[in-house]
Amino acid sequence: MFRDFPELKPSKGKFRIIGIDKFEILGEGHWVVADFDDRDEAIKKAKEMTRNASKDAADPSVATVFYAYDENGNYLGGEIHDEG
């Protein structure tokens, strides 16, 4: 993730939530939401934000999503499709 978008990389030891607009994947379709000191807190908040965006979307498949990443660009969580 950060190889293509280094401006999205959090500081060392931080966890970052990135917002992703599914209609605008390239270019301006992503943005920094917040940084967290705690990994689990970042994942929980990303899922909460994705869940809320899904409720407001015309269809969940086109909703804006929020994903948590570590300082190395590893995806940590934010998907809600497995929550039933």
C-alpha atoms as a PDB file:
ATOM      1  CA  MET A   1       0.000   0.000   0.000  1.00  0.00           C
ATOM      2  CA  PHE A   2       2.630   2.575   1.015  1.00  0.00           C
ATOM      3  CA  ARG A   3       4.876   1.729  -1.924  1.00  0.00           C
ATOM      4  CA  ASP A   4       2.298   3.366  -4.206  1.00  0.00           C
ATOM      5  CA  PHE A   5       1.145   6.022  -1.724  1.00  0.00           C
ATOM      6  CA  PRO A   6       4.017   6.848   0.671  1.00  0.00           C
ATOM      7  CA  GLU A   7       2.151   9.898   1.984  1.00  0.00           C
ATOM      8  CA  LEU A   8      -0.250   7.504   3.714  1.00  0.00           C
ATOM      9  CA  LYS A   9       2.440   5.867   5.855  1.00  0.00           C
ATOM     10  CA  PRO A  10       2.055   6.472   9.611  1.00  0.00           C
ATOM     11  CA  SER A  11       4.894   7.361  11.945  1.00  0.00           C
ATOM     12  CA  LYS A  12       6.961   4.565  13.445  1.00  0.00           C
ATOM     13  CA  GLY A  13       4.976   2.605  16.004  1.00  0.00           C
ATOM     14  CA  LYS A  14       1.622   4.100  14.937  1.00  0.00           C
ATOM     15  CA  PHE A  15      -1.401   2.543  13.265  1.00  0.00           C
ATOM     16  CA  ARG A  16      -3.302   4.518  10.653  1.00  0.00           C
ATOM     17  CA  ILE A  17      -6.849   4.413   9.348  1.00  0.00           C
ATOM     18  CA  ILE A  18      -7.178   5.195   5.653  1.00  0.00           C
ATOM     19  CA  GLY A  19     -10.523   6.047   4.053  1.00  0.00           C
ATOM     20  CA  ILE A  20     -11.048   4.601   0.564  1.00  0.00           C
ATOM     21  CA  ASP A  21     -13.737   5.763  -1.836  1.00  0.00           C
ATOM     22  CA  LYS A  22     -14.605   2.749  -4.006  1.00  0.00           C
ATOM     23  CA  PHE A  23     -15.661   5.033  -6.862  1.00  0.00           C
ATOM     24  CA  GLU A  24     -12.305   6.796  -6.928  1.00  0.00           C
ATOM     25  CA  ILE A  25      -9.700   4.093  -6.260  1.00  0.00           C
ATOM     26  CA  LEU A  26      -6.846   5.952  -7.979  1.00  0.00           C
ATOM     27  CA  GLY A  27      -5.916   9.566  -7.459  1.00  0.00           C
ATOM     28  CA  GLU A  28      -7.876  11.354  -4.759  1.00  0.00           C
ATOM     29  CA  GLY A  29      -9.899   8.330  -3.651  1.00  0.00           C
ATOM     30  CA  HIS A  30      -8.019   7.767  -0.403  1.00  0.00           C
ATOM     31  CA  TRP A  31      -7.220   9.891   2.611  1.00  0.00           C
ATOM     32  CA  VAL A  32      -5.792   9.729   6.110  1.00  0.00           C
ATOM     33  CA  VAL A  33      -8.470   9.559   8.800  1.00  0.00           C
ATOM     34  CA  ALA A  34      -6.499   9.194  12.037  1.00  0.00           C
ATOM     35  CA  ASP A  35      -3.473   7.670  13.729  1.00  0.00           C
ATOM     36  CA  PHE A  36      -3.619   5.437  16.776  1.00  0.00           C
ATOM     37  CA  ASP A  37      -1.100   4.202  19.319  1.00  0.00           C
ATOM     38  CA  ASP A  38      -3.053   0.989  19.868  1.00  0.00           C
ATOM     39  CA  ARG A  39      -3.435  -1.613  17.091  1.00  0.00           C
ATOM     40  CA  ASP A  40      -6.731  -3.046  18.357  1.00  0.00           C
ATOM     41  CA  GLU A  41      -8.239   0.409  18.799  1.00  0.00           C
ATOM     42  CA  ALA A  42      -7.383   1.292  15.183  1.00  0.00           C
ATOM     43  CA  ILE A  43      -8.984  -1.908  13.876  1.00  0.00           C
ATOM     44  CA  LYS A  44     -12.094  -1.434  15.999  1.00  0.00           C
ATOM     45  CA  LYS A  45     -12.526   2.173  14.843  1.00  0.00           C
ATOM     46  CA  ALA A  46     -11.955   1.247  11.171  1.00  0.00           C
ATOM     47  CA  LYS A  47     -14.659  -1.430  11.369  1.00  0.00           C
ATOM     48  CA  GLU A  48     -17.043   0.967  13.103  1.00  0.00           C
ATOM     49  CA  MET A  49     -16.505   3.608  10.424  1.00  0.00           C
ATOM     50  CA  THR A  50     -16.930   1.075   7.592  1.00  0.00           C
ATOM     51  CA  ARG A  51     -20.113  -0.238   9.220  1.00  0.00           C
ATOM     52  CA  ASN A  52     -21.544   3.287   9.485  1.00  0.00           C
ATOM     53  CA  ALA A  53     -20.634   4.148   5.883  1.00  0.00           C
ATOM     54  CA  SER A  54     -22.233   0.918   4.710  1.00  0.00           C
ATOM     55  CA  LYS A  55     -25.536   1.868   6.374  1.00  0.00           C
ATOM     56  CA  ASP A  56     -25.584   5.211   4.541  1.00  0.00           C
ATOM     57  CA  ALA A  57     -24.681   3.814   1.104  1.00  0.00           C
ATOM     58  CA  ALA A  58     -27.220   2.984  -1.593  1.00  0.00           C
ATOM     59  CA  ASP A  59     -25.630  -0.476  -1.635  1.00  0.00           C
ATOM     60  CA  PRO A  60     -22.951  -1.841   0.742  1.00  0.00           C
ATOM     61  CA  SER A  61     -20.800  -2.887  -2.215  1.00  0.00           C
ATOM     62  CA  VAL A  62     -20.228   0.772  -3.114  1.00  0.00           C
ATOM     63  CA  ALA A  63     -19.793   2.170   0.382  1.00  0.00           C
ATOM     64  CA  THR A  64     -16.661   4.012   1.403  1.00  0.00           C
ATOM     65  CA  VAL A  65     -14.425   1.708   3.456  1.00  0.00           C
ATOM     66  CA  PHE A  66     -11.956   2.402   6.227  1.00  0.00           C
ATOM     67  CA  TYR A  67      -8.921   0.180   6.701  1.00  0.00           C
ATOM     68  CA  ALA A  68      -6.284   0.111   9.435  1.00  0.00           C
ATOM     69  CA  TYR A  69      -2.613  -0.333   8.500  1.00  0.00           C
ATOM     70  CA  ASP A  70       0.606  -0.667  10.435  1.00  0.00           C
ATOM     71  CA  GLU A  71       3.773   1.344   9.777  1.00  0.00           C
ATOM     72  CA  ASN A  72       4.932  -1.214   7.184  1.00  0.00           C
ATOM     73  CA  GLY A  73       1.766  -0.982   5.106  1.00  0.00           C
ATOM     74  CA  ASN A  74       0.304  -4.255   6.327  1.00  0.00           C
ATOM     75  CA  TYR A  75      -3.491  -4.357   6.300  1.00  0.00           C
ATOM     76  CA  LEU A  76      -4.806  -4.989   9.827  1.00  0.00           C
ATOM     77  CA  GLY A  77      -8.571  -4.777   9.521  1.00  0.00           C
ATOM     78  CA  GLY A  78     -11.664  -2.820   8.661  1.00  0.00           C
ATOM     79  CA  GLU A  79     -13.667  -5.312   6.608  1.00  0.00           C
ATOM     80  CA  ILE A  80     -17.124  -6.069   7.941  1.00  0.00           C
ATOM     81  CA  HIS A  81     -18.342  -8.651   5.403  1.00  0.00           C
ATOM     82  CA  ASP A  82     -17.536 -11.489   7.813  1.00  0.00           C
ATOM     83  CA  GLU A  83     -19.620 -10.062  10.661  1.00  0.00           C
ATOM     84  CA  GLY A  84     -22.869 -11.601   9.423  1.00  0.00           C
END
